[in-house]
Amino acid sequence: MHPFEIHDFGKEALKESLKNEHVLDRKFSSRRYNKHFEYIYDYLTDLGCQLILVENFYTDRDYLIDFANYYVRCFEKYDRLCKRLHFFKEKFDEKKFISLLKNEKANLQKIYLGFIVAKPLPEAIFGRTILETYPTEKTGRHFPTIRKYGITLFGKNMEKFSLAFQEQDTVTAACATCALWSAFQKTAKIFDRSWSPTPIEITKAATKFQIYTRPIPSRGLKIEQMCQAIREIGLDLHVVDIEEIIAQTDRMVPLQSLIYSYLYMGIPVIMGGAFIGQGVEGGHAVAITGYHLCDSPYVDREVPDDPNIRYCNLKGRKIDKFYAHDDQVGPFCKIEIETGRYPIRFHTNPNVQSQVWQSIIPAVLIIPLYEKIRIVFMDVYRWILKFNIFIEKLEIIPKRHLEWDIYLTETNIFKNEFLENKEYNLFGFDVLLERMPRYIWRCCAEADGKKIVEIVADATDMPRSFFLTNIFFFDEKLRIALKSKMQIDEIRKKSDEYLTEHFTKLIIDNL
């Protein structure tokens, strides 16, 4: 067999390139295969794919470890080598491709869309997949979870910013394992982990204490097992039990903003829930990898319209859809938010041609975190809510006037923005010299497109301490009005009672 093959992009060419001796034509006509295949075909078509280059005899690390742990011991003879399908948005023939490889100045990067590893199995042939995202500039799309992958094609070095995806095989991995695998691809980079585990390593870590049934083949992971897998690779986690939230009506959580707050830093959010549609019903897990922001609010509020529920406007109101790595569909598939529901419910169309939509009712969110990140979204949100209500009661700002943007980030990123953004010049440069924790929460309030105030919180502190560290007033009218109010003894006393003495002192010191 030749080391590589070149085909003009098309549905039949893609099908033939993916196939192996164990896959029959009827497999691609089945509902499950057709769902993956149609999605990938439509995705590549939208990216403008023109050509498929099939790299034969490819060794894929993730598949090789799975192969060594399971497939090699099967009576059926499965190959240890895969095929890797590379996609380009310009056509070329074999002669031109060889000349491009020989020419050091030739830039294949400009026309390269990514690759799919085709595993030599009868099921779950979509292996490690790294594809370009949909365009983001001026589209409202945001994919903060992507990372840089170095790719070598016959000695030609390229790179692609994406987040790896693969399909579950229900042998070494199920949907939860694949969601975790994709998430670990990013957390390995942002939390300084030198490696990310393979699917079978995740399954073994998750089922380490499972004794009543065999862990391989994998039939799926429970929430506790997913948490165990995260801890086994040296990370901590934050679990949001949505069913518990519903039971506590006085503690409703703005879920869109919560998911956004971690995605902003690039942390994929694992969402588990009920999967309903196309005659299928059961538990399912996906890795949320991006979001789409509208210019104006998509929902009026993120919590139920109940006078007993305290609430302030958050940026999550502008999110109308998230993007997810769904192993039953494909990478970066959109999951749209249904309006008028709490908690939020998503619906997704895995096959554009079928026009059959499926619903995902979220039950739990799992966020893998660096072990020193101890303050979570709701810890910060409660303080921001208090401050917002306080200045509204003082009639310094109209009710629901501010929109808060709350997100997790690193101090170095904050200080870099502080240095480059002229808005911060009026605060001097002492903040740059200030000792700060590595991870912080930034809470920025805007009104009419103008930044009004920002509060910074220490993400590594204890929840029961006062972890707000800085407050910056950008709006001079707000600063003067609040300074005047805080000089009144009665208001200052109320501030001490409602916001605490620590918060009152932080405000006064920065006025």
Protein backbone atom coordinates (compact mmCIF):
# COMPACT_ATOMS: atom_id res chain seq x y z
CA MET A 1 0.00 0.00 0.00
CA HIS A 2 1.21 3.49 -0.82
CA PRO A 3 2.16 5.68 2.18
CA PHE A 4 -0.55 8.14 1.23
CA GLU A 5 -3.58 8.58 -1.03
CA ILE A 6 -5.20 11.75 -2.35
CA HIS A 7 -8.94 12.13 -3.04
CA ASP A 8 -11.17 15.02 -3.98
CA PHE A 9 -13.43 15.74 -1.03
CA GLY A 10 -16.92 14.29 -1.28
CA LYS A 11 -19.29 12.07 0.65
CA GLU A 12 -18.22 8.83 -1.03
CA ALA A 13 -14.53 9.74 -0.84
CA LEU A 14 -14.85 10.44 2.89
CA LYS A 15 -16.70 7.16 3.42
CA GLU A 16 -14.09 5.11 1.54
CA SER A 17 -11.26 6.85 3.37
CA LEU A 18 -12.75 6.02 6.78
CA LYS A 19 -13.54 2.38 6.02
CA ASN A 20 -11.45 -0.64 6.99
CA GLU A 21 -11.82 -4.41 6.53
CA HIS A 22 -14.14 -4.66 9.55
CA VAL A 23 -16.58 -1.94 8.43
CA LEU A 24 -19.28 -2.83 5.92
CA ASP A 25 -21.21 -0.39 3.75
CA ARG A 26 -24.37 -1.04 5.71
CA LYS A 27 -22.68 0.34 8.81
CA PHE A 28 -22.65 3.81 7.29
CA SER A 29 -26.35 3.61 6.56
CA SER A 30 -27.21 2.75 10.15
CA ARG A 31 -28.60 5.54 12.29
CA ARG A 32 -25.63 5.68 14.64
CA TYR A 33 -22.94 5.73 11.95
CA ASN A 34 -24.92 8.03 9.72
CA LYS A 35 -25.26 10.55 12.56
CA HIS A 36 -21.49 10.83 13.03
CA PHE A 37 -20.67 10.61 9.37
CA GLU A 38 -23.23 13.20 8.25
CA TYR A 39 -22.18 15.63 10.95
CA ILE A 40 -18.48 15.35 10.09
CA TYR A 41 -19.24 15.63 6.37
CA ASP A 42 -21.40 18.73 6.88
CA TYR A 43 -18.80 20.23 9.22
CA LEU A 44 -15.96 19.79 6.72
CA THR A 45 -18.16 21.08 3.92
CA ASP A 46 -18.88 24.25 5.90
CA LEU A 47 -15.13 24.72 6.46
CA GLY A 48 -14.62 24.63 2.70
CA CYS A 49 -12.82 21.30 2.47
CA GLN A 50 -11.68 20.39 -1.04
CA LEU A 51 -9.29 17.48 -0.59
CA ILE A 52 -8.60 14.44 1.59
CA LEU A 53 -5.06 13.13 2.04
CA VAL A 54 -5.05 9.68 3.62
CA GLU A 55 -1.89 8.89 5.60
CA ASN A 56 -1.64 5.10 5.83
CA PHE A 57 0.21 3.14 8.55
CA TYR A 58 -0.25 5.81 11.22
CA THR A 59 0.58 5.07 14.87
CA ASP A 60 -1.77 6.88 17.24
CA ARG A 61 -0.70 6.96 20.90
CA ASP A 62 -4.21 6.86 22.38
CA TYR A 63 -5.34 3.98 20.19
CA LEU A 64 -2.05 2.11 20.66
CA ILE A 65 -2.42 2.09 24.46
CA ASP A 66 -6.04 0.94 24.13
CA PHE A 67 -4.90 -1.68 21.63
CA ALA A 68 -2.20 -3.00 23.97
CA ASN A 69 -4.62 -3.18 26.90
CA TYR A 70 -7.56 -4.78 25.12
CA TYR A 71 -7.71 -5.32 21.37
CA VAL A 72 -4.44 -7.22 21.03
CA ARG A 73 -5.85 -10.03 23.16
CA CYS A 74 -8.99 -10.47 21.09
CA PHE A 75 -9.23 -13.64 18.96
CA GLU A 76 -10.21 -11.45 16.01
CA LYS A 77 -7.15 -9.89 14.45
CA TYR A 78 -7.25 -6.11 14.77
CA ASP A 79 -4.54 -3.92 13.32
CA ARG A 80 -2.32 -1.83 15.59
CA LEU A 81 -1.92 0.84 12.92
CA CYS A 82 -4.53 3.44 11.95
CA LYS A 83 -5.14 5.74 9.03
CA ARG A 84 -5.00 9.50 9.44
CA LEU A 85 -7.20 11.59 7.17
CA HIS A 86 -5.90 15.12 6.55
CA PHE A 87 -8.20 17.78 5.14
CA PHE A 88 -7.27 20.75 2.95
CA LYS A 89 -9.27 23.62 1.47
CA GLU A 90 -7.32 23.57 -1.79
CA LYS A 91 -6.76 20.78 -4.29
CA PHE A 92 -3.39 19.35 -5.35
CA ASP A 93 -2.15 16.14 -6.93
CA GLU A 94 0.54 13.73 -5.76
CA LYS A 95 3.30 15.46 -7.72
CA LYS A 96 2.49 18.88 -6.29
CA PHE A 97 2.22 17.46 -2.76
CA ILE A 98 5.73 15.99 -3.00
CA SER A 99 7.05 19.34 -4.23
CA LEU A 100 5.33 21.07 -1.29
CA LEU A 101 7.03 18.69 1.12
CA LYS A 102 10.43 19.34 -0.45
CA ASN A 103 10.00 23.12 -0.52
CA GLU A 104 10.95 24.52 2.88
CA LYS A 105 9.14 27.79 2.16
CA ALA A 106 5.89 26.09 1.11
CA ASN A 107 3.17 26.86 3.64
CA LEU A 108 0.66 24.01 3.91
CA GLN A 109 -0.59 25.60 7.12
CA LYS A 110 -2.70 28.15 5.21
CA ILE A 111 -4.85 25.50 3.55
CA TYR A 112 -4.84 22.87 6.33
CA LEU A 113 -8.11 22.13 8.18
CA GLY A 114 -7.00 19.30 10.50
CA PHE A 115 -7.24 15.53 10.66
CA ILE A 116 -9.25 12.51 11.80
CA VAL A 117 -7.61 9.28 12.96
CA ALA A 118 -9.60 6.36 11.51
CA LYS A 119 -9.31 3.40 13.87
CA PRO A 120 -9.20 -0.14 12.36
CA LEU A 121 -12.25 -1.31 14.31
CA PRO A 122 -15.75 -2.46 13.37
CA GLU A 123 -17.26 0.21 15.65
CA ALA A 124 -16.21 3.68 16.79
CA ILE A 125 -13.86 4.34 13.90
CA PHE A 126 -13.64 8.08 14.62
CA GLY A 127 -10.48 8.28 16.70
CA ARG A 128 -8.50 11.36 17.74
CA THR A 129 -9.96 14.22 15.74
CA ILE A 130 -8.45 17.70 15.53
CA LEU A 131 -10.36 20.03 13.24
CA GLU A 132 -10.45 23.77 12.75
CA THR A 133 -13.33 25.52 14.49
CA TYR A 134 -15.97 27.53 12.75
CA PRO A 135 -14.90 31.17 12.18
CA THR A 136 -15.09 33.32 15.32
CA GLU A 137 -14.38 36.88 14.18
CA LYS A 138 -17.52 39.03 14.38
CA THR A 139 -19.72 35.93 14.70
CA GLY A 140 -20.35 35.84 18.46
CA ARG A 141 -18.72 32.39 18.61
CA HIS A 142 -16.10 31.81 21.30
CA PHE A 143 -13.97 28.66 21.70
CA PRO A 144 -11.69 29.46 24.67
CA THR A 145 -10.99 25.77 25.35
CA ILE A 146 -8.96 25.21 22.18
CA ARG A 147 -5.18 24.72 22.40
CA LYS A 148 -2.28 24.45 20.00
CA TYR A 149 -1.47 21.01 18.55
CA GLY A 150 1.76 20.39 16.72
CA ILE A 151 1.20 18.20 13.65
CA THR A 152 3.87 16.56 11.52
CA LEU A 153 2.92 15.31 8.07
CA PHE A 154 5.79 13.40 6.44
CA GLY A 155 8.29 15.75 8.05
CA LYS A 156 6.30 18.93 7.38
CA ASN A 157 5.57 20.72 10.65
CA MET A 158 2.20 22.39 11.05
CA GLU A 159 -0.03 23.44 13.89
CA LYS A 160 -3.74 23.67 14.52
CA PHE A 161 -5.68 25.36 17.31
CA SER A 162 -8.51 23.05 18.32
CA LEU A 163 -9.58 20.60 21.01
CA ALA A 164 -9.27 16.89 20.34
CA PHE A 165 -12.43 14.78 20.01
CA GLN A 166 -13.10 11.08 19.63
CA GLU A 167 -16.02 8.70 19.54
CA GLN A 168 -16.76 6.21 22.31
CA ASP A 169 -16.31 2.52 21.56
CA THR A 170 -18.06 1.22 24.74
CA VAL A 171 -15.05 -1.05 25.20
CA THR A 172 -12.28 1.16 26.51
CA ALA A 173 -14.45 4.27 26.76
CA ALA A 174 -18.04 5.46 27.05
CA CYS A 175 -19.48 8.96 26.61
CA ALA A 176 -18.32 10.21 30.03
CA THR A 177 -14.81 8.92 29.38
CA CYS A 178 -14.65 10.70 26.02
CA ALA A 179 -15.92 13.93 27.57
CA LEU A 180 -13.24 13.72 30.26
CA TRP A 181 -10.58 12.82 27.69
CA SER A 182 -11.33 15.97 25.69
CA ALA A 183 -11.40 18.11 28.85
CA PHE A 184 -8.04 16.74 30.02
CA GLN A 185 -6.53 17.73 26.68
CA LYS A 186 -6.93 21.36 27.78
CA THR A 187 -6.43 21.11 31.55
CA ALA A 188 -3.07 19.47 30.91
CA LYS A 189 -1.98 22.77 29.34
CA ILE A 190 -3.54 25.40 31.59
CA PHE A 191 -2.80 23.58 34.86
CA ASP A 192 0.76 22.55 33.95
CA ARG A 193 0.18 18.83 33.65
CA SER A 194 2.77 17.20 31.39
CA TRP A 195 0.38 14.59 30.00
CA SER A 196 -3.27 13.79 29.43
CA PRO A 197 -4.50 10.20 29.93
CA THR A 198 -5.81 7.94 27.20
CA PRO A 199 -9.43 6.69 27.27
CA ILE A 200 -8.55 3.34 28.81
CA GLU A 201 -6.41 5.05 31.45
CA ILE A 202 -9.35 7.28 32.35
CA THR A 203 -11.71 4.31 32.55
CA LYS A 204 -9.29 2.39 34.79
CA ALA A 205 -8.78 5.43 37.04
CA ALA A 206 -12.53 6.00 37.30
CA THR A 207 -13.27 2.35 38.14
CA LYS A 208 -10.30 1.85 40.44
CA PHE A 209 -12.55 0.92 43.37
CA GLN A 210 -15.24 -0.85 41.33
CA ILE A 211 -15.43 -4.45 42.48
CA TYR A 212 -18.88 -5.72 41.56
CA THR A 213 -18.41 -5.80 37.79
CA ARG A 214 -15.64 -5.60 35.26
CA PRO A 215 -14.52 -2.08 34.26
CA ILE A 216 -13.61 -3.11 30.69
CA PRO A 217 -15.70 -3.24 28.49
CA SER A 218 -16.96 0.10 29.76
CA ARG A 219 -20.73 0.48 30.16
CA GLY A 220 -20.46 4.10 31.27
CA LEU A 221 -19.33 6.02 34.33
CA LYS A 222 -21.28 7.27 37.31
CA ILE A 223 -20.78 10.79 38.63
CA GLU A 224 -18.66 9.52 41.50
CA GLN A 225 -16.43 7.63 39.06
CA MET A 226 -15.99 10.69 36.86
CA CYS A 227 -14.92 12.65 39.93
CA GLN A 228 -12.52 9.85 40.87
CA ALA A 229 -10.92 9.98 37.41
CA ILE A 230 -10.34 13.73 37.77
CA ARG A 231 -8.70 13.32 41.17
CA GLU A 232 -6.53 10.46 39.92
CA ILE A 233 -4.73 12.79 37.50
CA GLY A 234 -3.98 15.29 40.24
CA LEU A 235 -6.82 17.78 39.78
CA ASP A 236 -9.63 18.83 42.08
CA LEU A 237 -13.16 19.56 40.94
CA HIS A 238 -16.35 21.51 41.47
CA VAL A 239 -19.65 19.65 41.18
CA VAL A 240 -22.93 21.46 40.62
CA ASP A 241 -25.89 19.21 41.45
CA ILE A 242 -28.73 20.78 39.48
CA GLU A 243 -31.41 18.57 41.02
CA GLU A 244 -30.31 19.76 44.47
CA ILE A 245 -30.49 23.38 43.30
CA ILE A 246 -34.09 22.92 42.17
CA ALA A 247 -35.02 21.62 45.61
CA GLN A 248 -33.62 24.76 47.27
CA THR A 249 -35.74 27.50 45.75
CA ASP A 250 -33.91 30.23 47.68
CA ARG A 251 -30.57 29.30 46.09
CA MET A 252 -31.22 29.34 42.38
CA VAL A 253 -28.03 29.37 40.31
CA PRO A 254 -27.59 31.31 37.04
CA LEU A 255 -26.32 28.26 35.17
CA GLN A 256 -25.47 29.97 31.88
CA SER A 257 -23.19 32.44 33.63
CA LEU A 258 -21.72 29.71 35.81
CA ILE A 259 -20.70 27.63 32.77
CA TYR A 260 -19.41 30.74 31.01
CA SER A 261 -17.30 31.78 34.02
CA TYR A 262 -15.12 28.67 33.72
CA LEU A 263 -15.15 28.43 29.93
CA TYR A 264 -13.74 31.95 29.77
CA MET A 265 -10.48 30.69 31.29
CA GLY A 266 -10.48 27.75 28.89
CA ILE A 267 -11.71 25.07 31.29
CA PRO A 268 -14.12 22.61 29.60
CA VAL A 269 -17.25 21.91 31.63
CA ILE A 270 -18.54 18.33 31.80
CA MET A 271 -22.32 18.23 31.64
CA GLY A 272 -24.21 15.09 32.54
CA GLY A 273 -27.92 14.69 32.09
CA ALA A 274 -30.86 12.94 30.48
CA PHE A 275 -30.74 12.41 26.75
CA ILE A 276 -34.14 12.32 25.01
CA GLY A 277 -34.93 12.00 21.30
CA GLN A 278 -34.96 9.73 18.25
CA GLY A 279 -36.27 6.86 20.35
CA VAL A 280 -33.25 7.08 22.66
CA GLU A 281 -33.47 7.89 26.34
CA GLY A 282 -30.82 7.59 29.01
CA GLY A 283 -27.86 9.19 30.74
CA HIS A 284 -25.39 11.13 28.65
CA ALA A 285 -22.32 13.33 29.17
CA VAL A 286 -20.69 15.94 26.95
CA ALA A 287 -17.78 18.36 27.29
CA ILE A 288 -18.91 21.97 26.81
CA THR A 289 -16.16 23.69 24.85
CA GLY A 290 -17.50 27.08 23.72
CA TYR A 291 -20.39 29.52 23.67
CA HIS A 292 -22.18 32.01 21.43
CA LEU A 293 -22.87 35.55 22.64
CA CYS A 294 -25.73 37.61 21.25
CA ASP A 295 -25.52 41.40 21.06
CA SER A 296 -28.53 41.71 23.35
CA PRO A 297 -29.95 39.48 26.12
CA TYR A 298 -31.32 36.16 24.87
CA VAL A 299 -33.24 35.62 28.12
CA ASP A 300 -34.58 38.26 30.52
CA ARG A 301 -33.17 36.47 33.53
CA GLU A 302 -31.33 33.22 34.27
CA VAL A 303 -33.35 32.28 37.34
CA PRO A 304 -37.14 31.90 37.76
CA ASP A 305 -39.17 35.11 37.87
CA ASP A 306 -39.87 34.90 41.58
CA PRO A 307 -39.77 37.92 43.95
CA ASN A 308 -38.20 35.72 46.63
CA ILE A 309 -35.16 35.01 44.45
CA ARG A 310 -32.53 37.75 44.61
CA TYR A 311 -30.89 38.31 41.27
CA CYS A 312 -28.73 40.72 39.26
CA ASN A 313 -28.07 40.84 35.53
CA LEU A 314 -25.17 38.68 34.33
CA LYS A 315 -23.46 38.27 30.99
CA GLY A 316 -24.78 34.72 30.66
CA ARG A 317 -28.16 36.22 29.65
CA LYS A 318 -26.64 36.89 26.22
CA ILE A 319 -25.68 33.24 25.61
CA ASP A 320 -28.14 31.49 23.30
CA LYS A 321 -26.11 28.35 22.67
CA PHE A 322 -23.08 26.44 23.85
CA TYR A 323 -20.78 24.25 21.77
CA ALA A 324 -19.89 20.77 22.95
CA HIS A 325 -17.81 17.73 22.15
CA ASP A 326 -20.62 15.20 22.04
CA ASP A 327 -19.27 11.73 21.26
CA GLN A 328 -22.66 10.75 19.83
CA VAL A 329 -22.53 13.60 17.32
CA GLY A 330 -19.13 15.22 16.78
CA PRO A 331 -16.79 18.07 17.80
CA PHE A 332 -18.01 21.61 18.52
CA CYS A 333 -21.66 20.71 17.91
CA LYS A 334 -24.11 23.37 19.02
CA ILE A 335 -26.52 22.80 21.87
CA GLU A 336 -29.15 25.53 21.87
CA ILE A 337 -30.79 26.83 25.02
CA GLU A 338 -34.55 26.55 25.32
CA THR A 339 -36.06 29.74 26.68
CA GLY A 340 -38.60 29.92 29.49
CA ARG A 341 -37.22 26.96 31.47
CA TYR A 342 -35.37 26.55 34.74
CA PRO A 343 -33.07 24.82 34.98
CA ILE A 344 -31.96 25.37 31.41
CA ARG A 345 -32.66 22.64 28.91
CA PHE A 346 -30.69 22.18 25.71
CA HIS A 347 -31.67 20.82 22.33
CA THR A 348 -29.38 19.73 19.56
CA ASN A 349 -29.77 18.52 16.00
CA PRO A 350 -27.07 15.90 15.34
CA ASN A 351 -28.08 15.47 11.72
CA VAL A 352 -28.99 18.62 9.83
CA GLN A 353 -30.70 16.66 7.08
CA SER A 354 -32.99 14.73 9.43
CA GLN A 355 -34.39 17.84 11.15
CA VAL A 356 -34.93 15.63 14.22
CA TRP A 357 -33.97 17.41 17.41
CA GLN A 358 -32.84 15.85 20.65
CA SER A 359 -33.09 17.27 24.15
CA ILE A 360 -30.53 17.22 26.94
CA ILE A 361 -31.85 17.90 30.43
CA PRO A 362 -28.77 18.73 32.56
CA ALA A 363 -28.51 17.02 35.94
CA VAL A 364 -24.93 17.79 36.94
CA LEU A 365 -22.00 19.98 35.95
CA ILE A 366 -18.45 18.86 36.74
CA ILE A 367 -15.58 21.33 36.41
CA PRO A 368 -11.99 20.00 36.70
CA LEU A 369 -9.87 22.53 38.59
CA TYR A 370 -6.36 23.10 39.86
CA GLU A 371 -6.30 22.00 43.49
CA LYS A 372 -5.58 25.52 44.81
CA ILE A 373 -8.72 26.99 43.20
CA ARG A 374 -11.07 26.76 46.17
CA ILE A 375 -13.45 29.67 45.61
CA VAL A 376 -16.16 28.75 43.11
CA PHE A 377 -18.53 30.84 41.04
CA MET A 378 -21.40 30.94 43.55
CA ASP A 379 -19.07 32.05 46.37
CA VAL A 380 -18.16 35.13 44.33
CA TYR A 381 -21.63 35.69 42.90
CA ARG A 382 -23.18 35.99 46.38
CA TRP A 383 -20.85 38.88 47.26
CA ILE A 384 -21.48 40.60 43.93
CA LEU A 385 -25.22 40.21 44.40
CA LYS A 386 -24.98 41.82 47.83
CA PHE A 387 -22.97 44.77 46.49
CA ASN A 388 -25.35 45.24 43.55
CA ILE A 389 -28.41 45.23 45.82
CA PHE A 390 -26.69 47.63 48.25
CA ILE A 391 -25.92 50.32 45.66
CA GLU A 392 -29.37 49.89 44.13
CA LYS A 393 -31.00 50.52 47.53
CA LEU A 394 -28.88 53.63 47.93
CA GLU A 395 -30.43 54.76 44.61
CA ILE A 396 -26.98 55.42 43.18
CA ILE A 397 -27.84 53.35 40.11
CA PRO A 398 -31.22 52.33 38.69
CA LYS A 399 -32.47 48.82 39.39
CA ARG A 400 -31.09 46.18 37.00
CA HIS A 401 -28.88 48.85 35.44
CA LEU A 402 -25.58 46.98 35.68
CA GLU A 403 -24.59 43.82 33.83
CA TRP A 404 -21.92 41.79 35.61
CA ASP A 405 -19.26 39.77 33.80
CA ILE A 406 -17.84 37.22 36.27
CA TYR A 407 -15.05 34.87 35.22
CA LEU A 408 -12.03 32.97 36.46
CA THR A 409 -8.58 33.94 35.18
CA GLU A 410 -4.89 34.15 36.04
CA THR A 411 -3.26 37.12 37.75
CA ASN A 412 -0.61 37.51 35.05
CA ILE A 413 -3.35 37.94 32.43
CA PHE A 414 -5.07 40.52 34.63
CA LYS A 415 -1.85 42.48 35.23
CA ASN A 416 -1.00 42.39 31.55
CA GLU A 417 -4.38 43.94 30.76
CA PHE A 418 -3.87 46.41 33.59
CA LEU A 419 -0.61 47.47 31.98
CA GLU A 420 -1.95 47.77 28.45
CA ASN A 421 -5.47 49.12 29.02
CA LYS A 422 -5.58 52.90 29.41
CA GLU A 423 -8.72 52.61 31.55
CA TYR A 424 -6.56 51.45 34.46
CA ASN A 425 -4.12 54.38 34.27
CA LEU A 426 -6.04 56.38 36.86
CA PHE A 427 -5.33 53.70 39.50
CA GLY A 428 -1.53 53.98 39.20
CA PHE A 429 0.89 51.10 38.90
CA ASP A 430 0.96 49.94 42.52
CA VAL A 431 -1.37 47.08 41.58
CA LEU A 432 1.31 45.68 39.26
CA LEU A 433 3.72 45.45 42.20
CA GLU A 434 1.12 43.98 44.54
CA ARG A 435 1.51 40.33 45.51
CA MET A 436 -1.53 38.44 44.24
CA PRO A 437 -2.53 34.75 44.00
CA ARG A 438 -2.06 32.92 40.72
CA TYR A 439 -5.81 32.52 40.16
CA ILE A 440 -8.40 35.25 40.65
CA TRP A 441 -12.04 35.96 39.91
CA ARG A 442 -12.76 39.14 37.98
CA CYS A 443 -16.19 40.72 38.34
CA CYS A 444 -16.71 43.59 35.88
CA ALA A 445 -19.91 45.63 35.79
CA GLU A 446 -20.94 47.51 32.65
CA ALA A 447 -23.78 49.85 31.74
CA ASP A 448 -24.51 51.02 28.21
CA GLY A 449 -21.27 49.45 27.00
CA LYS A 450 -19.14 51.34 29.53
CA LYS A 451 -17.21 49.73 32.38
CA ILE A 452 -18.48 51.03 35.73
CA VAL A 453 -16.77 49.03 38.44
CA GLU A 454 -14.59 45.92 38.83
CA ILE A 455 -14.13 43.71 41.87
CA VAL A 456 -11.30 41.18 42.13
CA ALA A 457 -11.44 38.06 44.34
CA ASP A 458 -8.78 35.61 45.48
CA ALA A 459 -9.70 32.24 43.97
CA THR A 460 -7.33 30.36 46.29
CA ASP A 461 -8.81 31.55 49.61
CA MET A 462 -11.34 29.86 51.90
CA PRO A 463 -15.07 30.26 51.18
CA ARG A 464 -15.82 31.43 54.72
CA SER A 465 -13.21 34.18 54.68
CA PHE A 466 -13.46 37.62 53.06
CA PHE A 467 -11.69 36.89 49.77
CA LEU A 468 -12.42 40.11 47.83
CA THR A 469 -9.08 41.87 47.36
CA ASN A 470 -9.55 44.89 45.06
CA ILE A 471 -12.27 47.20 43.81
CA PHE A 472 -11.84 49.69 40.99
CA PHE A 473 -14.34 52.48 40.28
CA PHE A 474 -14.23 53.51 36.63
CA ASP A 475 -17.34 55.70 36.70
CA GLU A 476 -16.65 59.02 38.39
CA LYS A 477 -20.33 59.71 39.12
CA LEU A 478 -20.68 56.38 40.93
CA ARG A 479 -17.49 56.97 42.90
CA ILE A 480 -18.49 60.46 44.03
CA ALA A 481 -22.06 59.42 44.88
CA LEU A 482 -20.94 56.36 46.84
CA LYS A 483 -18.24 58.34 48.65
CA SER A 484 -20.83 60.88 49.70
CA LYS A 485 -23.24 58.20 50.93
CA MET A 486 -20.55 56.29 52.86
CA GLN A 487 -19.75 59.43 54.87
CA ILE A 488 -23.20 59.20 56.45
CA ASP A 489 -22.92 57.25 59.70
CA GLU A 490 -26.28 55.52 59.34
CA ILE A 491 -25.48 54.26 55.82
CA ARG A 492 -22.01 53.17 56.87
CA LYS A 493 -23.52 51.22 59.75
CA LYS A 494 -25.98 49.51 57.42
CA SER A 495 -23.09 48.71 55.11
CA ASP A 496 -21.22 47.07 57.99
CA GLU A 497 -24.28 44.97 58.79
CA TYR A 498 -25.23 44.00 55.24
CA LEU A 499 -21.88 43.86 53.43
CA THR A 500 -19.70 43.23 56.53
CA GLU A 501 -17.06 45.56 57.95
CA HIS A 502 -14.40 44.04 55.67
CA PHE A 503 -16.34 44.90 52.52
CA THR A 504 -17.16 48.39 53.81
CA LYS A 505 -13.49 49.07 54.48
CA LEU A 506 -12.51 47.80 51.01
CA ILE A 507 -15.02 50.18 49.40
CA ILE A 508 -13.99 53.22 51.45
CA ASP A 509 -10.27 52.59 50.95
CA ASN A 510 -10.76 52.61 47.16
CA LEU A 511 -13.07 55.59 46.87
